[in-house]
């Protein structure tokens, strides 16, 4: 089983892990724990969401630009 722990650098936490001591994450805030390939899946999902946001933003900007251009041409040719 693979465990990935993401969070702030904490030498006491790392030392406890290396020495086989029990660790309470109630005392160590700000950590996320992932089992097996869950971390890779979350990173992939995050990249997909960022990519989709950029794509939708690009479409919105294009639509707004087309509408404004149409309005300007309408006013200019009137």
N, C-alpha and C. Protein backbone atom coordinates (compact mmCIF):
# COMPACT_ATOMS: atom_id res chain seq x y z
N UNK A 1 0.85 -1.17 0.00
CA UNK A 1 0.00 0.00 0.00
C UNK A 1 0.89 1.23 0.00
N UNK A 2 0.52 2.18 -0.84
CA UNK A 2 1.27 3.43 -0.93
C UNK A 2 0.48 4.51 -0.20
N UNK A 3 1.15 5.27 0.65
CA UNK A 3 0.53 6.38 1.35
C UNK A 3 1.29 7.65 1.00
N UNK A 4 0.55 8.67 0.53
CA UNK A 4 1.13 9.95 0.20
C UNK A 4 0.58 10.98 1.17
N UNK A 5 1.48 11.71 1.82
CA UNK A 5 1.08 12.73 2.78
C UNK A 5 1.56 14.08 2.25
N UNK A 6 0.61 14.99 2.07
CA UNK A 6 0.91 16.32 1.56
C UNK A 6 0.60 17.32 2.67
N UNK A 7 1.55 18.21 2.93
CA UNK A 7 1.33 19.22 3.96
C UNK A 7 2.60 19.99 4.24
N UNK A 8 2.54 20.83 5.25
CA UNK A 8 3.71 21.65 5.58
C UNK A 8 4.88 20.81 6.08
N UNK A 9 6.08 21.31 5.87
CA UNK A 9 7.26 20.61 6.38
C UNK A 9 7.23 20.62 7.91
N UNK A 10 7.40 19.45 8.48
CA UNK A 10 7.38 19.34 9.93
C UNK A 10 8.39 18.25 10.31
N UNK A 11 9.55 18.66 10.82
CA UNK A 11 10.60 17.70 11.12
C UNK A 11 10.19 16.75 12.25
N UNK A 12 9.39 17.21 13.21
CA UNK A 12 8.95 16.32 14.29
C UNK A 12 8.04 15.22 13.76
N UNK A 13 7.16 15.57 12.83
CA UNK A 13 6.27 14.57 12.23
C UNK A 13 7.08 13.54 11.45
N UNK A 14 8.01 14.00 10.65
CA UNK A 14 8.86 13.10 9.87
C UNK A 14 9.69 12.21 10.78
N UNK A 15 10.23 12.78 11.83
CA UNK A 15 11.03 12.02 12.78
C UNK A 15 10.18 10.93 13.45
N UNK A 16 8.96 11.27 13.78
CA UNK A 16 8.07 10.27 14.39
C UNK A 16 7.80 9.13 13.43
N UNK A 17 7.55 9.44 12.16
CA UNK A 17 7.33 8.39 11.16
C UNK A 17 8.55 7.48 11.05
N UNK A 18 9.72 8.11 10.93
CA UNK A 18 10.94 7.33 10.74
C UNK A 18 11.26 6.45 11.95
N UNK A 19 10.88 6.90 13.12
CA UNK A 19 11.14 6.12 14.33
C UNK A 19 10.01 5.15 14.66
N UNK A 20 8.98 5.10 13.81
CA UNK A 20 7.88 4.16 14.03
C UNK A 20 6.96 4.54 15.17
N UNK A 21 6.96 5.79 15.54
CA UNK A 21 6.08 6.25 16.62
C UNK A 21 4.70 6.57 16.06
N UNK A 22 3.67 6.41 16.87
CA UNK A 22 2.33 6.80 16.41
C UNK A 22 2.24 8.32 16.24
N UNK A 23 1.49 8.74 15.24
CA UNK A 23 1.35 10.16 14.94
C UNK A 23 -0.13 10.51 14.93
N UNK A 24 -0.48 11.60 15.59
CA UNK A 24 -1.86 12.08 15.60
C UNK A 24 -1.95 13.29 14.68
N UNK A 25 -2.78 13.19 13.65
CA UNK A 25 -2.93 14.33 12.75
C UNK A 25 -3.83 15.40 13.34
N UNK A 26 -4.43 15.12 14.49
CA UNK A 26 -5.17 16.17 15.21
C UNK A 26 -4.19 17.22 15.72
N UNK A 27 -2.98 16.79 16.02
CA UNK A 27 -1.94 17.72 16.49
C UNK A 27 -1.23 18.41 15.33
N UNK A 28 -1.25 17.79 14.17
CA UNK A 28 -0.54 18.31 12.99
C UNK A 28 -1.57 18.69 11.94
N UNK A 29 -1.98 19.93 11.93
CA UNK A 29 -3.03 20.40 11.01
C UNK A 29 -2.45 20.72 9.63
N UNK A 30 -3.33 20.68 8.63
CA UNK A 30 -2.96 21.09 7.28
C UNK A 30 -2.43 19.99 6.40
N UNK A 31 -2.62 18.73 6.78
CA UNK A 31 -2.12 17.62 5.98
C UNK A 31 -3.26 16.93 5.26
N UNK A 32 -2.96 16.41 4.09
CA UNK A 32 -3.88 15.56 3.35
C UNK A 32 -3.20 14.21 3.18
N UNK A 33 -3.95 13.14 3.39
CA UNK A 33 -3.41 11.79 3.28
C UNK A 33 -4.11 11.08 2.13
N UNK A 34 -3.31 10.51 1.22
CA UNK A 34 -3.84 9.81 0.07
C UNK A 34 -3.35 8.36 0.11
N UNK A 35 -4.20 7.42 -0.26
CA UNK A 35 -3.85 6.00 -0.26
C UNK A 35 -3.81 5.51 -1.70
N UNK A 36 -2.81 4.67 -1.99
CA UNK A 36 -2.58 4.10 -3.31
C UNK A 36 -2.42 5.21 -4.35
N UNK A 37 -3.21 5.20 -5.43
CA UNK A 37 -3.02 6.18 -6.49
C UNK A 37 -4.00 7.36 -6.40
N UNK A 38 -4.58 7.59 -5.23
CA UNK A 38 -5.56 8.67 -5.06
C UNK A 38 -4.93 10.05 -5.30
N UNK A 39 -3.66 10.22 -4.92
CA UNK A 39 -3.00 11.52 -5.12
C UNK A 39 -2.83 11.82 -6.60
N UNK A 40 -2.41 10.82 -7.36
CA UNK A 40 -2.25 11.01 -8.81
C UNK A 40 -3.59 11.32 -9.46
N UNK A 41 -4.64 10.65 -9.01
CA UNK A 41 -5.97 10.90 -9.56
C UNK A 41 -6.43 12.32 -9.24
N UNK A 42 -6.16 12.80 -8.03
CA UNK A 42 -6.56 14.16 -7.66
C UNK A 42 -5.79 15.19 -8.48
N UNK A 43 -4.48 14.96 -8.69
CA UNK A 43 -3.69 15.89 -9.50
C UNK A 43 -4.22 15.93 -10.94
N UNK A 44 -4.57 14.75 -11.47
CA UNK A 44 -5.09 14.68 -12.84
C UNK A 44 -6.43 15.41 -12.93
N UNK A 45 -7.30 15.21 -11.95
CA UNK A 45 -8.59 15.89 -11.93
C UNK A 45 -8.41 17.40 -11.82
N UNK A 46 -7.46 17.82 -11.00
CA UNK A 46 -7.20 19.26 -10.85
C UNK A 46 -6.71 19.87 -12.16
N UNK A 47 -5.80 19.15 -12.86
CA UNK A 47 -5.31 19.64 -14.15
C UNK A 47 -6.45 19.73 -15.17
N UNK A 48 -7.35 18.73 -15.15
CA UNK A 48 -8.48 18.74 -16.08
C UNK A 48 -9.41 19.91 -15.79
N UNK A 49 -9.64 20.20 -14.51
CA UNK A 49 -10.50 21.32 -14.13
C UNK A 49 -9.87 22.65 -14.54
N UNK A 50 -8.57 22.79 -14.34
CA UNK A 50 -7.88 24.02 -14.74
C UNK A 50 -7.93 24.19 -16.25
N UNK A 51 -7.75 23.10 -16.97
CA UNK A 51 -7.80 23.14 -18.42
C UNK A 51 -9.20 23.52 -18.89
N UNK A 52 -10.23 22.95 -18.27
CA UNK A 52 -11.61 23.26 -18.65
C UNK A 52 -11.93 24.72 -18.34
N UNK A 53 -11.42 25.23 -17.23
CA UNK A 53 -11.66 26.63 -16.89
C UNK A 53 -11.05 27.55 -17.94
N UNK A 54 -9.84 27.25 -18.36
CA UNK A 54 -9.19 28.06 -19.38
C UNK A 54 -9.95 28.01 -20.70
N UNK A 55 -10.45 26.83 -21.05
CA UNK A 55 -11.19 26.64 -22.29
C UNK A 55 -12.49 27.42 -22.26
N UNK A 56 -13.25 27.33 -21.17
CA UNK A 56 -14.52 28.04 -21.08
C UNK A 56 -14.31 29.56 -21.02
N UNK A 57 -13.26 29.98 -20.35
CA UNK A 57 -12.95 31.40 -20.30
C UNK A 57 -12.64 31.92 -21.70
N UNK A 58 -11.90 31.15 -22.47
CA UNK A 58 -11.56 31.55 -23.83
C UNK A 58 -12.82 31.68 -24.68
N UNK A 59 -13.75 30.76 -24.54
CA UNK A 59 -15.00 30.83 -25.30
C UNK A 59 -15.79 32.06 -24.89
N UNK A 60 -15.89 32.33 -23.60
CA UNK A 60 -16.64 33.49 -23.12
C UNK A 60 -16.04 34.79 -23.65
N UNK A 61 -14.73 34.89 -23.63
CA UNK A 61 -14.06 36.09 -24.14
C UNK A 61 -14.34 36.24 -25.63
N UNK A 62 -14.31 35.17 -26.38
CA UNK A 62 -14.59 35.22 -27.81
C UNK A 62 -16.02 35.67 -28.08
N UNK A 63 -16.97 35.15 -27.31
CA UNK A 63 -18.37 35.53 -27.50
C UNK A 63 -18.58 37.01 -27.17
N UNK A 64 -18.02 37.46 -26.07
CA UNK A 64 -18.16 38.87 -25.69
C UNK A 64 -17.52 39.78 -26.74
N UNK A 65 -16.36 39.38 -27.24
CA UNK A 65 -15.68 40.16 -28.28
C UNK A 65 -16.54 40.24 -29.54
N UNK A 66 -17.14 39.12 -29.93
CA UNK A 66 -18.00 39.11 -31.12
C UNK A 66 -19.22 40.01 -30.93
N UNK A 67 -19.82 39.96 -29.76
CA UNK A 67 -20.99 40.80 -29.48
C UNK A 67 -20.61 42.28 -29.51
N UNK A 68 -19.51 42.63 -28.86
CA UNK A 68 -19.08 44.04 -28.84
C UNK A 68 -18.72 44.53 -30.24
N UNK A 69 -18.07 43.68 -31.03
CA UNK A 69 -17.72 44.05 -32.40
C UNK A 69 -18.98 44.29 -33.22
N UNK A 70 -19.98 43.43 -33.05
CA UNK A 70 -21.24 43.59 -33.76
C UNK A 70 -21.92 44.91 -33.38
N UNK A 71 -21.91 45.23 -32.10
CA UNK A 71 -22.52 46.48 -31.62
C UNK A 71 -21.79 47.68 -32.20
N UNK A 72 -20.47 47.66 -32.18
CA UNK A 72 -19.67 48.77 -32.72
C UNK A 72 -19.95 48.94 -34.21
N UNK A 73 -19.98 47.87 -34.99
CA UNK A 73 -20.27 47.95 -36.42
C UNK A 73 -21.69 48.44 -36.68
N UNK A 74 -22.62 48.01 -35.84
CA UNK A 74 -24.00 48.47 -35.99
C UNK A 74 -24.08 49.97 -35.80
N UNK A 75 -23.41 50.46 -34.75
CA UNK A 75 -23.42 51.91 -34.47
C UNK A 75 -22.69 52.67 -35.57
N UNK A 76 -21.57 52.14 -36.05
CA UNK A 76 -20.76 52.82 -37.05
C UNK A 76 -21.49 52.89 -38.39
N UNK A 77 -22.23 51.89 -38.74
CA UNK A 77 -22.90 51.85 -40.05
C UNK A 77 -24.29 52.49 -40.01
N UNK A 78 -24.72 52.89 -38.90
CA UNK A 78 -26.05 53.47 -38.75
C UNK A 78 -26.12 54.86 -39.24
